[in-house]
Amino acid sequence: MIRVTRLDDSELYINAEFIQSVESTPDTHIVLVNGHAWVVREPDHEVVRRVIEYRRSVYGTPGGARPNLRAIEG
C-alpha cells in the first residue's frame, strides 16, 4: 500500500498492485484496474516513486539485493 493525500488533505492508502495509470492533468489522477479513480495532491512522479519503493520492499531478493526497478522519464 502507498499513502497519498486527497485534495481535502485527508490521507488515503492505495494498493499499489491495483494501479493501472497515473496522470497529471494538471491534478494527479490515479486510476485503478477496477475503474475507480482518485485525485491526489502528490505529483505523478512522486506517486511512481512510492510505487517503486513499495515494489522494491515487497519483491526484494533474500540477502538484501533489490531488483533493478527505476522510474523512466518521458
C-alpha atoms as a PDB file:
ATOM      1  CA  MET A   1       0.000   0.000   0.000  1.00  0.00           C
ATOM      2  CA  ILE A   2       1.134   3.546  -0.665  1.00  0.00           C
ATOM      3  CA  ARG A   3      -0.015   6.666   1.162  1.00  0.00           C
ATOM      4  CA  VAL A   4      -1.310   9.611  -0.852  1.00  0.00           C
ATOM      5  CA  THR A   5      -3.149  12.817   0.031  1.00  0.00           C
ATOM      6  CA  ARG A   6      -6.576  13.730  -1.312  1.00  0.00           C
ATOM      7  CA  LEU A   7      -7.273  17.323  -2.325  1.00  0.00           C
ATOM      8  CA  ASP A   8      -9.079  17.884   1.012  1.00  0.00           C
ATOM      9  CA  ASP A   9      -5.806  16.933   2.815  1.00  0.00           C
ATOM     10  CA  SER A  10      -7.130  13.590   4.072  1.00  0.00           C
ATOM     11  CA  GLU A  11      -4.835  10.586   3.722  1.00  0.00           C
ATOM     12  CA  LEU A  12      -5.656   7.642   1.509  1.00  0.00           C
ATOM     13  CA  TYR A  13      -3.870   4.290   1.280  1.00  0.00           C
ATOM     14  CA  ILE A  14      -3.990   2.673  -2.158  1.00  0.00           C
ATOM     15  CA  ASN A  15      -2.954  -0.857  -3.039  1.00  0.00           C
ATOM     16  CA  ALA A  16      -0.047  -0.236  -5.415  1.00  0.00           C
ATOM     17  CA  GLU A  17      -0.672  -3.593  -7.122  1.00  0.00           C
ATOM     18  CA  PHE A  18      -4.000  -2.317  -8.483  1.00  0.00           C
ATOM     19  CA  ILE A  19      -2.801   0.955 -10.023  1.00  0.00           C
ATOM     20  CA  GLN A  20      -3.434   0.965 -13.763  1.00  0.00           C
ATOM     21  CA  SER A  21      -2.290   4.508 -14.555  1.00  0.00           C
ATOM     22  CA  VAL A  22      -1.102   7.777 -13.033  1.00  0.00           C
ATOM     23  CA  GLU A  23      -1.673  11.013 -14.933  1.00  0.00           C
ATOM     24  CA  SER A  24      -1.273  14.741 -14.268  1.00  0.00           C
ATOM     25  CA  THR A  25      -3.855  16.972 -15.974  1.00  0.00           C
ATOM     26  CA  PRO A  26      -2.714  19.161 -14.012  1.00  0.00           C
ATOM     27  CA  ASP A  27      -4.079  17.408 -10.888  1.00  0.00           C
ATOM     28  CA  THR A  28      -2.720  13.906 -10.383  1.00  0.00           C
ATOM     29  CA  HIS A  29      -5.248  11.178 -11.182  1.00  0.00           C
ATOM     30  CA  ILE A  30      -4.649   7.596 -10.064  1.00  0.00           C
ATOM     31  CA  VAL A  31      -6.791   5.038 -11.888  1.00  0.00           C
ATOM     32  CA  LEU A  32      -7.139   1.512 -10.517  1.00  0.00           C
ATOM     33  CA  VAL A  33      -7.734  -1.639 -12.558  1.00  0.00           C
ATOM     34  CA  ASN A  34     -11.337  -1.765 -11.281  1.00  0.00           C
ATOM     35  CA  GLY A  35     -12.051   1.681 -12.778  1.00  0.00           C
ATOM     36  CA  HIS A  36     -12.025   3.638  -9.529  1.00  0.00           C
ATOM     37  CA  ALA A  37     -10.093   6.894  -9.786  1.00  0.00           C
ATOM     38  CA  TRP A  38      -8.612   9.183  -7.169  1.00  0.00           C
ATOM     39  CA  VAL A  39      -7.353  12.762  -7.452  1.00  0.00           C
ATOM     40  CA  VAL A  40      -4.383  13.391  -5.173  1.00  0.00           C
ATOM     41  CA  ARG A  41      -2.025  16.219  -4.221  1.00  0.00           C
ATOM     42  CA  GLU A  42       1.228  14.391  -4.927  1.00  0.00           C
ATOM     43  CA  PRO A  43       2.756  14.941  -8.375  1.00  0.00           C
ATOM     44  CA  ASP A  44       2.726  11.951 -10.713  1.00  0.00           C
ATOM     45  CA  HIS A  45       6.465  11.337 -10.372  1.00  0.00           C
ATOM     46  CA  GLU A  46       6.112  11.104  -6.569  1.00  0.00           C
ATOM     47  CA  VAL A  47       3.328   8.514  -6.861  1.00  0.00           C
ATOM     48  CA  VAL A  48       5.523   6.486  -9.235  1.00  0.00           C
ATOM     49  CA  ARG A  49       8.471   6.780  -6.821  1.00  0.00           C
ATOM     50  CA  ARG A  50       6.310   5.449  -3.973  1.00  0.00           C
ATOM     51  CA  VAL A  51       5.103   2.534  -6.092  1.00  0.00           C
ATOM     52  CA  ILE A  52       8.701   1.644  -6.992  1.00  0.00           C
ATOM     53  CA  GLU A  53       9.724   1.891  -3.326  1.00  0.00           C
ATOM     54  CA  TYR A  54       6.803  -0.348  -2.350  1.00  0.00           C
ATOM     55  CA  ARG A  55       7.659  -2.944  -5.002  1.00  0.00           C
ATOM     56  CA  ARG A  56      11.310  -2.983  -4.006  1.00  0.00           C
ATOM     57  CA  SER A  57      10.301  -3.648  -0.400  1.00  0.00           C
ATOM     58  CA  VAL A  58       7.954  -6.485  -1.398  1.00  0.00           C
ATOM     59  CA  TYR A  59       9.877  -8.157  -4.216  1.00  0.00           C
ATOM     60  CA  GLY A  60      13.393  -7.785  -2.866  1.00  0.00           C
ATOM     61  CA  THR A  61      15.526 -10.907  -3.015  1.00  0.00           C
ATOM     62  CA  PRO A  62      16.995 -12.740   0.010  1.00  0.00           C
ATOM     63  CA  GLY A  63      20.227 -11.164   1.152  1.00  0.00           C
ATOM     64  CA  GLY A  64      19.031  -7.622   0.573  1.00  0.00           C
ATOM     65  CA  ALA A  65      19.582  -7.343  -3.182  1.00  0.00           C
ATOM     66  CA  ARG A  66      16.847  -5.412  -4.940  1.00  0.00           C
ATOM     67  CA  PRO A  67      15.542  -5.764  -8.488  1.00  0.00           C
ATOM     68  CA  ASN A  68      16.601  -3.054 -10.896  1.00  0.00           C
ATOM     69  CA  LEU A  69      13.375  -1.035 -10.745  1.00  0.00           C
ATOM     70  CA  ARG A  70      13.521   2.636 -11.628  1.00  0.00           C
ATOM     71  CA  ALA A  71      11.277   5.366 -12.977  1.00  0.00           C
ATOM     72  CA  ILE A  72      11.598   6.088 -16.691  1.00  0.00           C
ATOM     73  CA  GLU A  73      11.364   9.769 -17.532  1.00  0.00           C
ATOM     74  CA  GLY A  74       9.322  10.858 -20.505  1.00  0.00           C
END
